[in-house]
C-alpha cells in the first residue's frame, strides 16, 4: 500500500521495488496497492483492515490478493488510478 500524494516517499519508489522484484524473480510474492491519500502512510482503517485480511488469506489459504498494475503508464496516468483500493475519499483528495 502506498499513498499517491506521499511526498516523503514518492510513489515511484513502488515502481522501483516492483522492477527489482521482477529482476530477482520474486514478483509473484509482491502485491501492490495505490491509495488515494496525500500523506505518508495516511491509510484509513478500512484500507488497512482489508489489506491485512487479504494478506492473512493469502498466507493461510493461498488466495493471492488483487493489486494495482503500477508499471503500466496508461493505468497510472488514468484519472481513477488509486480508486480500486480507496473505499472512501481522503480529506483534500479528489474523490473517485
PDB file of N, CA and C in Angstrom:
ATOM      1  N   UNK A   1       0.850  -1.171   0.000  1.00  0.00           N
ATOM      2  CA  UNK A   1       0.000   0.000   0.000  1.00  0.00           C
ATOM      3  C   UNK A   1       0.893   1.230   0.000  1.00  0.00           C
ATOM      4  N   UNK A   2       0.508   2.178  -0.834  1.00  0.00           N
ATOM      5  CA  UNK A   2       1.270   3.417  -0.908  1.00  0.00           C
ATOM      6  C   UNK A   2       0.322   4.536  -1.305  1.00  0.00           C
ATOM      7  N   UNK A   3       0.380   5.626  -0.569  1.00  0.00           N
ATOM      8  CA  UNK A   3      -0.462   6.768  -0.916  1.00  0.00           C
ATOM      9  C   UNK A   3       0.159   7.520  -2.094  1.00  0.00           C
ATOM     10  N   UNK A   4      -0.699   7.942  -3.004  1.00  0.00           N
ATOM     11  CA  UNK A   4      -0.227   8.600  -4.215  1.00  0.00           C
ATOM     12  C   UNK A   4       0.327   9.996  -3.957  1.00  0.00           C
ATOM     13  N   UNK A   5      -0.121  10.650  -2.914  1.00  0.00           N
ATOM     14  CA  UNK A   5       0.326  12.001  -2.632  1.00  0.00           C
ATOM     15  C   UNK A   5       1.481  12.090  -1.654  1.00  0.00           C
ATOM     16  N   UNK A   6       2.099  10.983  -1.335  1.00  0.00           N
ATOM     17  CA  UNK A   6       3.203  10.954  -0.377  1.00  0.00           C
ATOM     18  C   UNK A   6       4.423  11.635  -0.993  1.00  0.00           C
ATOM     19  N   UNK A   7       4.808  12.781  -0.444  1.00  0.00           N
ATOM     20  CA  UNK A   7       5.982  13.492  -0.950  1.00  0.00           C
ATOM     21  C   UNK A   7       7.249  13.100  -0.198  1.00  0.00           C
ATOM     22  N   UNK A   8       7.101  12.427   0.934  1.00  0.00           N
ATOM     23  CA  UNK A   8       8.253  11.957   1.699  1.00  0.00           C
ATOM     24  C   UNK A   8       8.886  10.756   1.001  1.00  0.00           C
ATOM     25  N   UNK A   9       8.056   9.805   0.611  1.00  0.00           N
ATOM     26  CA  UNK A   9       8.486   8.644  -0.165  1.00  0.00           C
ATOM     27  C   UNK A   9       7.596   8.603  -1.408  1.00  0.00           C
ATOM     28  N   UNK A  10       8.085   9.091  -2.538  1.00  0.00           N
ATOM     29  CA  UNK A  10       7.238   9.174  -3.733  1.00  0.00           C
ATOM     30  C   UNK A  10       6.787   7.803  -4.232  1.00  0.00           C
ATOM     31  N   UNK A  11       5.642   7.799  -4.884  1.00  0.00           N
ATOM     32  CA  UNK A  11       5.068   6.551  -5.398  1.00  0.00           C
ATOM     33  C   UNK A  11       6.009   5.848  -6.371  1.00  0.00           C
ATOM     34  N   UNK A  12       6.871   6.591  -7.024  1.00  0.00           N
ATOM     35  CA  UNK A  12       7.813   5.979  -7.975  1.00  0.00           C
ATOM     36  C   UNK A  12       8.704   4.935  -7.302  1.00  0.00           C
ATOM     37  N   UNK A  13       8.858   5.027  -5.994  1.00  0.00           N
ATOM     38  CA  UNK A  13       9.641   4.011  -5.275  1.00  0.00           C
ATOM     39  C   UNK A  13       8.972   2.641  -5.374  1.00  0.00           C
ATOM     40  N   UNK A  14       7.646   2.613  -5.444  1.00  0.00           N
ATOM     41  CA  UNK A  14       6.928   1.345  -5.617  1.00  0.00           C
ATOM     42  C   UNK A  14       7.263   0.720  -6.975  1.00  0.00           C
ATOM     43  N   UNK A  15       7.426   1.559  -7.975  1.00  0.00           N
ATOM     44  CA  UNK A  15       7.779   1.065  -9.304  1.00  0.00           C
ATOM     45  C   UNK A  15       9.193   0.493  -9.315  1.00  0.00           C
ATOM     46  N   UNK A  16      10.088   1.159  -8.619  1.00  0.00           N
ATOM     47  CA  UNK A  16      11.456   0.648  -8.496  1.00  0.00           C
ATOM     48  C   UNK A  16      11.449  -0.690  -7.767  1.00  0.00           C
ATOM     49  N   UNK A  17      10.684  -0.775  -6.709  1.00  0.00           N
ATOM     50  CA  UNK A  17      10.577  -2.011  -5.929  1.00  0.00           C
ATOM     51  C   UNK A  17      10.025  -3.148  -6.785  1.00  0.00           C
ATOM     52  N   UNK A  18       8.998  -2.866  -7.583  1.00  0.00           N
ATOM     53  CA  UNK A  18       8.412  -3.880  -8.481  1.00  0.00           C
ATOM     54  C   UNK A  18       9.454  -4.358  -9.487  1.00  0.00           C
ATOM     55  N   UNK A  19      10.171  -3.425 -10.093  1.00  0.00           N
ATOM     56  CA  UNK A  19      11.188  -3.808 -11.087  1.00  0.00           C
ATOM     57  C   UNK A  19      12.278  -4.671 -10.460  1.00  0.00           C
ATOM     58  N   UNK A  20      12.677  -4.345  -9.250  1.00  0.00           N
ATOM     59  CA  UNK A  20      13.704  -5.144  -8.569  1.00  0.00           C
ATOM     60  C   UNK A  20      13.182  -6.539  -8.241  1.00  0.00           C
ATOM     61  N   UNK A  21      11.926  -6.632  -7.854  1.00  0.00           N
ATOM     62  CA  UNK A  21      11.334  -7.952  -7.583  1.00  0.00           C
ATOM     63  C   UNK A  21      11.292  -8.787  -8.865  1.00  0.00           C
ATOM     64  N   UNK A  22      10.977  -8.144  -9.985  1.00  0.00           N
ATOM     65  CA  UNK A  22      10.973  -8.850 -11.268  1.00  0.00           C
ATOM     66  C   UNK A  22      12.384  -9.339 -11.598  1.00  0.00           C
ATOM     67  N   UNK A  23      13.372  -8.485 -11.404  1.00  0.00           N
ATOM     68  CA  UNK A  23      14.763  -8.831 -11.708  1.00  0.00           C
ATOM     69  C   UNK A  23      15.239 -10.065 -10.951  1.00  0.00           C
ATOM     70  N   UNK A  24      14.821 -10.214  -9.710  1.00  0.00           N
ATOM     71  CA  UNK A  24      15.293 -11.344  -8.906  1.00  0.00           C
ATOM     72  C   UNK A  24      14.290 -12.498  -8.859  1.00  0.00           C
ATOM     73  N   UNK A  25      13.184 -12.355  -9.593  1.00  0.00           N
ATOM     74  CA  UNK A  25      12.231 -13.454  -9.696  1.00  0.00           C
ATOM     75  C   UNK A  25      11.302 -13.632  -8.517  1.00  0.00           C
ATOM     76  N   UNK A  26      11.088 -12.582  -7.739  1.00  0.00           N
ATOM     77  CA  UNK A  26      10.192 -12.695  -6.584  1.00  0.00           C
ATOM     78  C   UNK A  26       8.921 -11.865  -6.739  1.00  0.00           C
ATOM     79  N   UNK A  27       8.655 -11.399  -7.934  1.00  0.00           N
ATOM     80  CA  UNK A  27       7.487 -10.535  -8.143  1.00  0.00           C
ATOM     81  C   UNK A  27       6.173 -11.266  -7.897  1.00  0.00           C
ATOM     82  N   UNK A  28       6.174 -12.588  -7.957  1.00  0.00           N
ATOM     83  CA  UNK A  28       4.953 -13.343  -7.657  1.00  0.00           C
ATOM     84  C   UNK A  28       4.587 -13.256  -6.164  1.00  0.00           C
ATOM     85  N   UNK A  29       5.524 -12.785  -5.351  1.00  0.00           N
ATOM     86  CA  UNK A  29       5.296 -12.640  -3.914  1.00  0.00           C
ATOM     87  C   UNK A  29       4.952 -11.208  -3.521  1.00  0.00           C
ATOM     88  N   UNK A  30       4.749 -10.342  -4.515  1.00  0.00           N
ATOM     89  CA  UNK A  30       4.517  -8.927  -4.247  1.00  0.00           C
ATOM     90  C   UNK A  30       3.180  -8.475  -4.831  1.00  0.00           C
ATOM     91  N   UNK A  31       2.361  -7.899  -3.989  1.00  0.00           N
ATOM     92  CA  UNK A  31       1.095  -7.281  -4.408  1.00  0.00           C
ATOM     93  C   UNK A  31       1.151  -5.836  -3.940  1.00  0.00           C
ATOM     94  N   UNK A  32       0.878  -4.921  -4.853  1.00  0.00           N
ATOM     95  CA  UNK A  32       0.954  -3.500  -4.521  1.00  0.00           C
ATOM     96  C   UNK A  32      -0.387  -2.831  -4.768  1.00  0.00           C
ATOM     97  N   UNK A  33      -0.718  -1.908  -3.871  1.00  0.00           N
ATOM     98  CA  UNK A  33      -1.988  -1.188  -3.967  1.00  0.00           C
ATOM     99  C   UNK A  33      -1.753   0.309  -3.814  1.00  0.00           C
ATOM    100  N   UNK A  34      -2.333   1.056  -4.741  1.00  0.00           N
ATOM    101  CA  UNK A  34      -2.270   2.516  -4.681  1.00  0.00           C
ATOM    102  C   UNK A  34      -3.475   3.026  -3.901  1.00  0.00           C
ATOM    103  N   UNK A  35      -3.223   3.934  -2.987  1.00  0.00           N
ATOM    104  CA  UNK A  35      -4.272   4.537  -2.169  1.00  0.00           C
ATOM    105  C   UNK A  35      -4.291   6.038  -2.466  1.00  0.00           C
ATOM    106  N   UNK A  36      -5.474   6.572  -2.680  1.00  0.00           N
ATOM    107  CA  UNK A  36      -5.604   7.996  -2.997  1.00  0.00           C
ATOM    108  C   UNK A  36      -5.572   8.861  -1.737  1.00  0.00           C
ATOM    109  N   UNK A  37      -4.448   8.807  -1.063  1.00  0.00           N
ATOM    110  CA  UNK A  37      -4.215   9.638   0.106  1.00  0.00           C
ATOM    111  C   UNK A  37      -3.115  10.632  -0.200  1.00  0.00           C
ATOM    112  N   UNK A  38      -2.936  11.597   0.679  1.00  0.00           N
ATOM    113  CA  UNK A  38      -1.943  12.631   0.386  1.00  0.00           C
ATOM    114  C   UNK A  38      -0.746  12.617   1.321  1.00  0.00           C
ATOM    115  N   UNK A  39      -0.833  11.951   2.440  1.00  0.00           N
ATOM    116  CA  UNK A  39       0.254  11.963   3.404  1.00  0.00           C
ATOM    117  C   UNK A  39       1.001  10.639   3.452  1.00  0.00           C
ATOM    118  N   UNK A  40       2.133  10.656   4.132  1.00  0.00           N
ATOM    119  CA  UNK A  40       2.939   9.446   4.284  1.00  0.00           C
ATOM    120  C   UNK A  40       2.197   8.450   5.181  1.00  0.00           C
ATOM    121  N   UNK A  41       1.898   7.282   4.646  1.00  0.00           N
ATOM    122  CA  UNK A  41       1.188   6.225   5.378  1.00  0.00           C
ATOM    123  C   UNK A  41      -0.168   6.700   5.900  1.00  0.00           C
ATOM    124  N   UNK A  42      -0.835   7.532   5.148  1.00  0.00           N
ATOM    125  CA  UNK A  42      -2.144   8.058   5.540  1.00  0.00           C
ATOM    126  C   UNK A  42      -3.238   7.083   5.100  1.00  0.00           C
ATOM    127  N   UNK A  43      -3.273   5.947   5.732  1.00  0.00           N
ATOM    128  CA  UNK A  43      -4.263   4.928   5.397  1.00  0.00           C
ATOM    129  C   UNK A  43      -5.425   5.021   6.370  1.00  0.00           C
ATOM    130  N   UNK A  44      -6.620   4.846   5.853  1.00  0.00           N
ATOM    131  CA  UNK A  44      -7.807   4.846   6.691  1.00  0.00           C
ATOM    132  C   UNK A  44      -8.031   3.436   7.238  1.00  0.00           C
ATOM    133  N   UNK A  45      -8.730   3.315   8.364  1.00  0.00           N
ATOM    134  CA  UNK A  45      -8.906   2.000   8.992  1.00  0.00           C
ATOM    135  C   UNK A  45      -9.447   0.920   8.052  1.00  0.00           C
ATOM    136  N   UNK A  46     -10.402   1.251   7.209  1.00  0.00           N
ATOM    137  CA  UNK A  46     -10.952   0.253   6.290  1.00  0.00           C
ATOM    138  C   UNK A  46      -9.933  -0.247   5.287  1.00  0.00           C
ATOM    139  N   UNK A  47      -9.046   0.631   4.849  1.00  0.00           N
ATOM    140  CA  UNK A  47      -8.000   0.234   3.896  1.00  0.00           C
ATOM    141  C   UNK A  47      -7.010  -0.719   4.550  1.00  0.00           C
ATOM    142  N   UNK A  48      -6.642  -0.414   5.774  1.00  0.00           N
ATOM    143  CA  UNK A  48      -5.690  -1.249   6.499  1.00  0.00           C
ATOM    144  C   UNK A  48      -6.295  -2.608   6.815  1.00  0.00           C
ATOM    145  N   UNK A  49      -7.514  -2.628   7.318  1.00  0.00           N
ATOM    146  CA  UNK A  49      -8.123  -3.907   7.704  1.00  0.00           C
ATOM    147  C   UNK A  49      -8.370  -4.796   6.483  1.00  0.00           C
ATOM    148  N   UNK A  50      -8.782  -4.210   5.374  1.00  0.00           N
ATOM    149  CA  UNK A  50      -8.982  -5.006   4.158  1.00  0.00           C
ATOM    150  C   UNK A  50      -7.659  -5.578   3.670  1.00  0.00           C
ATOM    151  N   UNK A  51      -6.621  -4.754   3.628  1.00  0.00           N
ATOM    152  CA  UNK A  51      -5.314  -5.228   3.166  1.00  0.00           C
ATOM    153  C   UNK A  51      -4.767  -6.317   4.080  1.00  0.00           C
ATOM    154  N   UNK A  52      -4.938  -6.140   5.391  1.00  0.00           N
ATOM    155  CA  UNK A  52      -4.435  -7.147   6.318  1.00  0.00           C
ATOM    156  C   UNK A  52      -5.206  -8.457   6.176  1.00  0.00           C
ATOM    157  N   UNK A  53      -6.504  -8.377   6.045  1.00  0.00           N
ATOM    158  CA  UNK A  53      -7.312  -9.591   5.850  1.00  0.00           C
ATOM    159  C   UNK A  53      -6.909 -10.305   4.565  1.00  0.00           C
ATOM    160  N   UNK A  54      -6.681  -9.526   3.516  1.00  0.00           N
ATOM    161  CA  UNK A  54      -6.254 -10.124   2.244  1.00  0.00           C
ATOM    162  C   UNK A  54      -4.895 -10.802   2.382  1.00  0.00           C
ATOM    163  N   UNK A  55      -3.990 -10.182   3.131  1.00  0.00           N
ATOM    164  CA  UNK A  55      -2.669 -10.779   3.364  1.00  0.00           C
ATOM    165  C   UNK A  55      -2.799 -12.078   4.150  1.00  0.00           C
ATOM    166  N   UNK A  56      -3.606 -12.072   5.198  1.00  0.00           N
ATOM    167  CA  UNK A  56      -3.796 -13.281   6.006  1.00  0.00           C
ATOM    168  C   UNK A  56      -4.402 -14.404   5.163  1.00  0.00           C
ATOM    169  N   UNK A  57      -5.386 -14.075   4.336  1.00  0.00           N
ATOM    170  CA  UNK A  57      -5.979 -15.092   3.457  1.00  0.00           C
ATOM    171  C   UNK A  57      -4.961 -15.655   2.478  1.00  0.00           C
ATOM    172  N   UNK A  58      -4.050 -14.824   2.017  1.00  0.00           N
ATOM    173  CA  UNK A  58      -3.007 -15.280   1.101  1.00  0.00           C
ATOM    174  C   UNK A  58      -2.074 -16.253   1.812  1.00  0.00           C
ATOM    175  N   UNK A  59      -1.645 -15.882   3.018  1.00  0.00           N
ATOM    176  CA  UNK A  59      -0.715 -16.721   3.770  1.00  0.00           C
ATOM    177  C   UNK A  59      -1.366 -18.040   4.203  1.00  0.00           C
ATOM    178  N   UNK A  60      -2.586 -17.965   4.721  1.00  0.00           N
ATOM    179  CA  UNK A  60      -3.232 -19.163   5.257  1.00  0.00           C
ATOM    180  C   UNK A  60      -3.870 -20.048   4.197  1.00  0.00           C
ATOM    181  N   UNK A  61      -4.457 -19.445   3.174  1.00  0.00           N
ATOM    182  CA  UNK A  61      -5.256 -20.211   2.220  1.00  0.00           C
ATOM    183  C   UNK A  61      -4.768 -20.140   0.779  1.00  0.00           C
ATOM    184  N   UNK A  62      -3.703 -19.401   0.536  1.00  0.00           N
ATOM    185  CA  UNK A  62      -3.139 -19.326  -0.809  1.00  0.00           C
ATOM    186  C   UNK A  62      -3.924 -18.480  -1.792  1.00  0.00           C
ATOM    187  N   UNK A  63      -4.813 -17.632  -1.282  1.00  0.00           N
ATOM    188  CA  UNK A  63      -5.612 -16.766  -2.154  1.00  0.00           C
ATOM    189  C   UNK A  63      -4.867 -15.451  -2.329  1.00  0.00           C
ATOM    190  N   UNK A  64      -4.177 -15.319  -3.457  1.00  0.00           N
ATOM    191  CA  UNK A  64      -3.394 -14.115  -3.699  1.00  0.00           C
ATOM    192  C   UNK A  64      -4.327 -12.926  -3.905  1.00  0.00           C
ATOM    193  N   UNK A  65      -4.089 -11.837  -3.170  1.00  0.00           N
ATOM    194  CA  UNK A  65      -4.968 -10.671  -3.296  1.00  0.00           C
ATOM    195  C   UNK A  65      -4.750  -9.916  -4.603  1.00  0.00           C
ATOM    196  N   UNK A  66      -5.730  -9.123  -4.961  1.00  0.00           N
ATOM    197  CA  UNK A  66      -5.632  -8.262  -6.128  1.00  0.00           C
ATOM    198  C   UNK A  66      -4.729  -7.079  -5.798  1.00  0.00           C
ATOM    199  N   UNK A  67      -4.154  -6.495  -6.830  1.00  0.00           N
ATOM    200  CA  UNK A  67      -3.319  -5.316  -6.661  1.00  0.00           C
ATOM    201  C   UNK A  67      -3.417  -4.432  -7.885  1.00  0.00           C
ATOM    202  N   UNK A  68      -2.680  -3.355  -7.866  1.00  0.00           N
ATOM    203  CA  UNK A  68      -2.659  -2.422  -8.991  1.00  0.00           C
ATOM    204  C   UNK A  68      -1.466  -2.706  -9.894  1.00  0.00           C
ATOM    205  N   UNK A  69      -1.661  -2.497 -11.198  1.00  0.00           N
ATOM    206  CA  UNK A  69      -0.588  -2.628 -12.175  1.00  0.00           C
ATOM    207  C   UNK A  69       0.157  -1.298 -12.215  1.00  0.00           C
ATOM    208  N   UNK A  70       1.188  -1.187 -11.405  1.00  0.00           N
ATOM    209  CA  UNK A  70       1.849   0.097 -11.238  1.00  0.00           C
ATOM    210  C   UNK A  70       2.923   0.375 -12.284  1.00  0.00           C
ATOM    211  N   UNK A  71       3.212  -0.592 -13.141  1.00  0.00           N
ATOM    212  CA  UNK A  71       4.212  -0.361 -14.183  1.00  0.00           C
ATOM    213  C   UNK A  71       3.594   0.004 -15.531  1.00  0.00           C
ATOM    214  N   UNK A  72       2.289  -0.020 -15.616  1.00  0.00           N
ATOM    215  CA  UNK A  72       1.610   0.340 -16.860  1.00  0.00           C
ATOM    216  C   UNK A  72       1.375   1.853 -16.862  1.00  0.00           C
ATOM    217  N   UNK A  73       2.079   2.609 -17.726  1.00  0.00           N
ATOM    218  CA  UNK A  73       1.936   4.071 -17.717  1.00  0.00           C
ATOM    219  C   UNK A  73       0.497   4.551 -17.930  1.00  0.00           C
ATOM    220  N   UNK A  74      -0.256   3.885 -18.789  1.00  0.00           N
ATOM    221  CA  UNK A  74      -1.642   4.299 -19.029  1.00  0.00           C
ATOM    222  C   UNK A  74      -2.504   4.088 -17.786  1.00  0.00           C
ATOM    223  N   UNK A  75      -2.275   3.010 -17.073  1.00  0.00           N
ATOM    224  CA  UNK A  75      -3.022   2.737 -15.843  1.00  0.00           C
ATOM    225  C   UNK A  75      -2.716   3.794 -14.790  1.00  0.00           C
ATOM    226  N   UNK A  76      -1.446   4.089 -14.604  1.00  0.00           N
ATOM    227  CA  UNK A  76      -1.035   5.049 -13.582  1.00  0.00           C
ATOM    228  C   UNK A  76      -1.500   6.469 -13.930  1.00  0.00           C
ATOM    229  N   UNK A  77      -1.556   6.781 -15.217  1.00  0.00           N
ATOM    230  CA  UNK A  77      -1.969   8.121 -15.648  1.00  0.00           C
ATOM    231  C   UNK A  77      -3.485   8.308 -15.661  1.00  0.00           C
ATOM    232  N   UNK A  78      -4.233   7.231 -15.533  1.00  0.00           N
ATOM    233  CA  UNK A  78      -5.695   7.325 -15.580  1.00  0.00           C
ATOM    234  C   UNK A  78      -6.217   8.147 -14.400  1.00  0.00           C
ATOM    235  N   UNK A  79      -7.241   8.967 -14.632  1.00  0.00           N
ATOM    236  CA  UNK A  79      -7.762   9.810 -13.549  1.00  0.00           C
ATOM    237  C   UNK A  79      -8.336   9.027 -12.374  1.00  0.00           C
ATOM    238  N   UNK A  80      -8.681   7.767 -12.580  1.00  0.00           N
ATOM    239  CA  UNK A  80      -9.240   6.971 -11.494  1.00  0.00           C
ATOM    240  C   UNK A  80      -8.206   6.038 -10.845  1.00  0.00           C
ATOM    241  N   UNK A  81      -6.926   6.222 -11.175  1.00  0.00           N
ATOM    242  CA  UNK A  81      -5.895   5.375 -10.571  1.00  0.00           C
ATOM    243  C   UNK A  81      -5.896   5.566  -9.058  1.00  0.00           C
ATOM    244  N   UNK A  82      -5.871   4.477  -8.348  1.00  0.00           N
ATOM    245  CA  UNK A  82      -5.903   4.503  -6.892  1.00  0.00           C
ATOM    246  C   UNK A  82      -7.291   4.336  -6.305  1.00  0.00           C
ATOM    247  N   UNK A  83      -8.310   4.392  -7.151  1.00  0.00           N
ATOM    248  CA  UNK A  83      -9.687   4.279  -6.653  1.00  0.00           C
ATOM    249  C   UNK A  83     -10.048   2.845  -6.262  1.00  0.00           C
ATOM    250  N   UNK A  84      -9.434   1.890  -6.889  1.00  0.00           N
ATOM    251  CA  UNK A  84      -9.803   0.486  -6.677  1.00  0.00           C
ATOM    252  C   UNK A  84      -9.701   0.054  -5.213  1.00  0.00           C
ATOM    253  N   UNK A  85      -8.691   0.558  -4.510  1.00  0.00           N
ATOM    254  CA  UNK A  85      -8.474   0.146  -3.123  1.00  0.00           C
ATOM    255  C   UNK A  85      -8.638   1.301  -2.143  1.00  0.00           C
ATOM    256  N   UNK A  86      -9.293   2.371  -2.594  1.00  0.00           N
ATOM    257  CA  UNK A  86      -9.590   3.511  -1.731  1.00  0.00           C
ATOM    258  C   UNK A  86     -11.115   3.590  -1.604  1.00  0.00           C
ATOM    259  N   UNK A  87     -11.677   2.960  -0.563  1.00  0.00           N
ATOM    260  CA  UNK A  87     -13.133   2.861  -0.460  1.00  0.00           C
ATOM    261  C   UNK A  87     -13.852   4.166  -0.116  1.00  0.00           C
ATOM    262  N   UNK A  88     -13.147   5.093   0.499  1.00  0.00           N
ATOM    263  CA  UNK A  88     -13.760   6.387   0.846  1.00  0.00           C
ATOM    264  C   UNK A  88     -12.803   7.494   0.450  1.00  0.00           C
ATOM    265  N   UNK A  89     -13.327   8.705   0.335  1.00  0.00           N
ATOM    266  CA  UNK A  89     -12.491   9.842  -0.052  1.00  0.00           C
ATOM    267  C   UNK A  89     -11.662  10.323   1.132  1.00  0.00           C
ATOM    268  N   UNK A  90     -10.372  10.486   0.893  1.00  0.00           N
ATOM    269  CA  UNK A  90      -9.483  11.058   1.904  1.00  0.00           C
ATOM    270  C   UNK A  90      -9.658  12.572   1.896  1.00  0.00           C
ATOM    271  N   UNK A  91      -9.428  13.200   3.045  1.00  0.00           N
ATOM    272  CA  UNK A  91      -9.524  14.660   3.095  1.00  0.00           C
ATOM    273  C   UNK A  91      -8.559  15.325   2.111  1.00  0.00           C
ATOM    274  N   UNK A  92      -9.033  16.336   1.423  1.00  0.00           N
ATOM    275  CA  UNK A  92      -8.252  17.144   0.483  1.00  0.00           C
ATOM    276  C   UNK A  92      -7.747  16.364  -0.733  1.00  0.00           C
ATOM    277  N   UNK A  93      -8.399  15.256  -1.046  1.00  0.00           N
ATOM    278  CA  UNK A  93      -8.035  14.457  -2.218  1.00  0.00           C
ATOM    279  C   UNK A  93      -9.271  14.381  -3.118  1.00  0.00           C
ATOM    280  N   UNK A  94      -9.104  14.567  -4.425  1.00  0.00           N
ATOM    281  CA  UNK A  94     -10.260  14.468  -5.322  1.00  0.00           C
ATOM    282  C   UNK A  94     -10.938  13.103  -5.183  1.00  0.00           C
ATOM    283  N   UNK A  95     -12.252  13.080  -5.134  1.00  0.00           N
ATOM    284  CA  UNK A  95     -12.963  11.804  -4.975  1.00  0.00           C
ATOM    285  C   UNK A  95     -12.856  10.934  -6.221  1.00  0.00           C
ATOM    286  N   UNK A  96     -13.080   9.679  -6.025  1.00  0.00           N
ATOM    287  CA  UNK A  96     -13.087   8.732  -7.150  1.00  0.00           C
ATOM    288  C   UNK A  96     -14.374   8.862  -7.937  1.00  0.00           C
TER     289      UNK A  96
END
